[in-house]
Protein backbone atom coordinates (compact mmCIF):
# COMPACT_ATOMS: atom_id res chain seq x y z
CA UNK A 1 0.00 0.00 0.00
CA UNK A 2 1.45 3.34 -1.07
CA UNK A 3 1.14 6.44 1.03
CA UNK A 4 0.38 9.76 -0.50
CA UNK A 5 3.01 12.41 -0.18
CA UNK A 6 1.99 15.57 1.52
CA UNK A 7 2.05 18.44 -0.94
CA UNK A 8 3.61 21.81 -0.25
CA UNK A 9 2.06 23.63 2.64
CA UNK A 10 0.36 26.94 2.01
CA UNK A 11 2.52 29.99 2.59
CA UNK A 12 0.13 31.83 4.89
CA UNK A 13 -1.47 35.23 4.59
CA UNK A 14 1.68 37.36 4.32
CA UNK A 15 4.22 35.02 2.76
CA UNK A 16 4.96 33.63 -0.64
CA UNK A 17 6.25 30.08 -1.07
CA UNK A 18 9.40 29.68 -3.12
CA UNK A 19 11.71 26.78 -3.78
CA UNK A 20 13.74 27.35 -0.59
CA UNK A 21 10.81 28.08 1.72
CA UNK A 22 8.67 31.00 2.78
CA UNK A 23 9.64 34.57 1.96
CA UNK A 24 7.91 37.55 3.60
CA UNK A 25 8.59 40.96 2.11
CA UNK A 26 7.29 44.12 3.75
CA UNK A 27 7.76 47.43 1.96
CA UNK A 28 7.31 50.85 3.56
CA UNK A 29 7.12 54.02 1.50
CA UNK A 30 7.96 57.34 3.18
CA UNK A 31 7.26 60.58 1.32
CA UNK A 32 6.89 58.49 -1.81
CA UNK A 33 3.99 57.07 -3.82
CA UNK A 34 3.85 53.29 -3.87
CA UNK A 35 3.94 51.81 -7.37
CA UNK A 36 3.55 48.25 -8.56
CA UNK A 37 6.76 48.58 -10.59
CA UNK A 38 8.81 49.42 -7.48
CA UNK A 39 7.21 46.58 -5.51
CA UNK A 40 7.93 44.08 -8.28
CA UNK A 41 11.52 45.33 -8.62
CA UNK A 42 12.11 44.86 -4.88
CA UNK A 43 10.53 41.40 -4.81
CA UNK A 44 12.67 40.31 -7.78
CA UNK A 45 15.84 41.52 -6.07
CA UNK A 46 14.96 39.83 -2.77
CA UNK A 47 14.13 36.61 -4.61
CA UNK A 48 17.60 36.75 -6.17
CA UNK A 49 19.38 36.73 -2.77
CA UNK A 50 16.86 34.22 -1.37
CA UNK A 51 18.67 31.39 -3.13
CA UNK A 52 21.64 31.76 -0.75
CA UNK A 53 19.56 31.36 2.42
CA UNK A 54 17.77 28.44 4.05
CA UNK A 55 14.50 28.43 5.90
CA UNK A 56 11.95 31.24 6.12
CA UNK A 57 13.21 34.67 5.11
CA UNK A 58 11.83 38.03 6.25
CA UNK A 59 12.74 41.15 4.30
CA UNK A 60 11.89 44.66 5.49
CA UNK A 61 12.41 47.42 2.95
CA UNK A 62 11.98 51.12 3.72
CA UNK A 63 12.03 53.50 0.74
CA UNK A 64 12.09 57.23 1.37
CA UNK A 65 12.72 60.52 -0.41
CA UNK A 66 14.19 63.66 1.10
CA UNK A 67 14.57 66.57 -1.29
CA UNK A 68 16.44 65.02 -4.21
CA UNK A 69 17.95 61.98 -2.47
CA UNK A 70 16.25 58.59 -2.61
CA UNK A 71 17.09 56.22 0.22
CA UNK A 72 16.65 52.46 0.52
CA UNK A 73 17.09 50.71 3.86
CA UNK A 74 16.88 46.90 3.70
CA UNK A 75 16.99 44.30 6.48
CA UNK A 76 16.88 40.59 5.65
CA UNK A 77 16.53 37.98 8.39
CA UNK A 78 16.91 34.25 7.95
CA UNK A 79 16.99 32.24 11.15
CA UNK A 80 19.83 33.58 13.31
CA UNK A 81 21.35 35.61 10.47
CA UNK A 82 20.49 39.26 9.83
CA UNK A 83 21.81 41.34 6.94
CA UNK A 84 21.39 45.11 6.71
CA UNK A 85 22.11 47.63 4.00
CA UNK A 86 21.44 51.29 3.36
CA UNK A 87 21.99 53.36 0.24
CA UNK A 88 21.29 56.91 -0.93
CA UNK A 89 21.18 57.88 -4.60
CA UNK A 90 19.40 60.25 -6.94
CA UNK A 91 17.49 57.38 -8.61
CA UNK A 92 15.37 54.92 -6.59
CA UNK A 93 15.95 51.91 -8.87
CA UNK A 94 19.73 52.41 -8.75
CA UNK A 95 19.48 52.78 -5.00
CA UNK A 96 17.62 49.47 -4.66
CA UNK A 97 20.10 47.70 -6.96
CA UNK A 98 23.12 48.95 -5.01
CA UNK A 99 21.73 48.10 -1.57
CA UNK A 100 20.78 44.59 -2.70
CA UNK A 101 24.29 44.14 -4.16
CA UNK A 102 25.68 45.07 -0.72
CA UNK A 103 23.44 42.54 1.01
CA UNK A 104 24.26 39.81 -1.51
CA UNK A 105 27.95 40.46 -0.86
CA UNK A 106 27.38 40.17 2.91
CA UNK A 107 25.51 36.89 2.47
CA UNK A 108 28.20 35.40 0.23
CA UNK A 109 30.95 36.51 2.64
CA UNK A 110 29.10 34.88 5.57
CA UNK A 111 28.59 31.65 3.63
CA UNK A 112 32.27 31.56 2.59
CA UNK A 113 33.41 32.08 6.18
CA UNK A 114 31.18 29.27 7.43
CA UNK A 115 32.39 26.98 4.66
CA UNK A 116 36.09 27.68 5.28
CA UNK A 117 35.55 27.26 9.04
CA UNK A 118 34.02 23.81 8.50
CA UNK A 119 36.84 22.79 6.16
CA UNK A 120 39.68 23.93 8.43
CA UNK A 121 38.26 22.52 11.68
CA UNK A 122 38.91 18.88 10.70
CA UNK A 123 42.46 19.30 9.34
CA UNK A 124 44.24 19.42 12.71
CA UNK A 125 43.25 15.90 13.72
C-alpha cells in the first residue's frame, strides 16, 4: 500500500512560497507614492538573494525621499542571520540595486566564512 506524499504547505497570509521556503517581504514608502513597478523590482531583487539562504526569510524594505535623495534601507533575516544595508542615490531603482548588491555580498561573505571554518576545523586531527 502506497502512502500519499503531503504536498507543499500553504505559505500563509503574508508570505509567498518559493523553492527554498517562505519569503515575507514588507515594503514601507515614506514621502513616496507606492507603485507596482517598485514593488515588483524589490521582490525580484529579494528573490535573487533568497537562493543563498535556508528556511523562512523576512525582508523589510523602507524607501524614502528627502529633497532630491532617494534612500533604501533593507533588512533581511533568515533564522539567526540578519543582513542590513542602506543606500542613498538620486534614482530609486539604482538605490535598490546597489543596496541589494551590498546585502548579496554580505551573504556570500558569511557563507564563505562558514564553509572555510568547517573545512579547516577537521584538518588538525
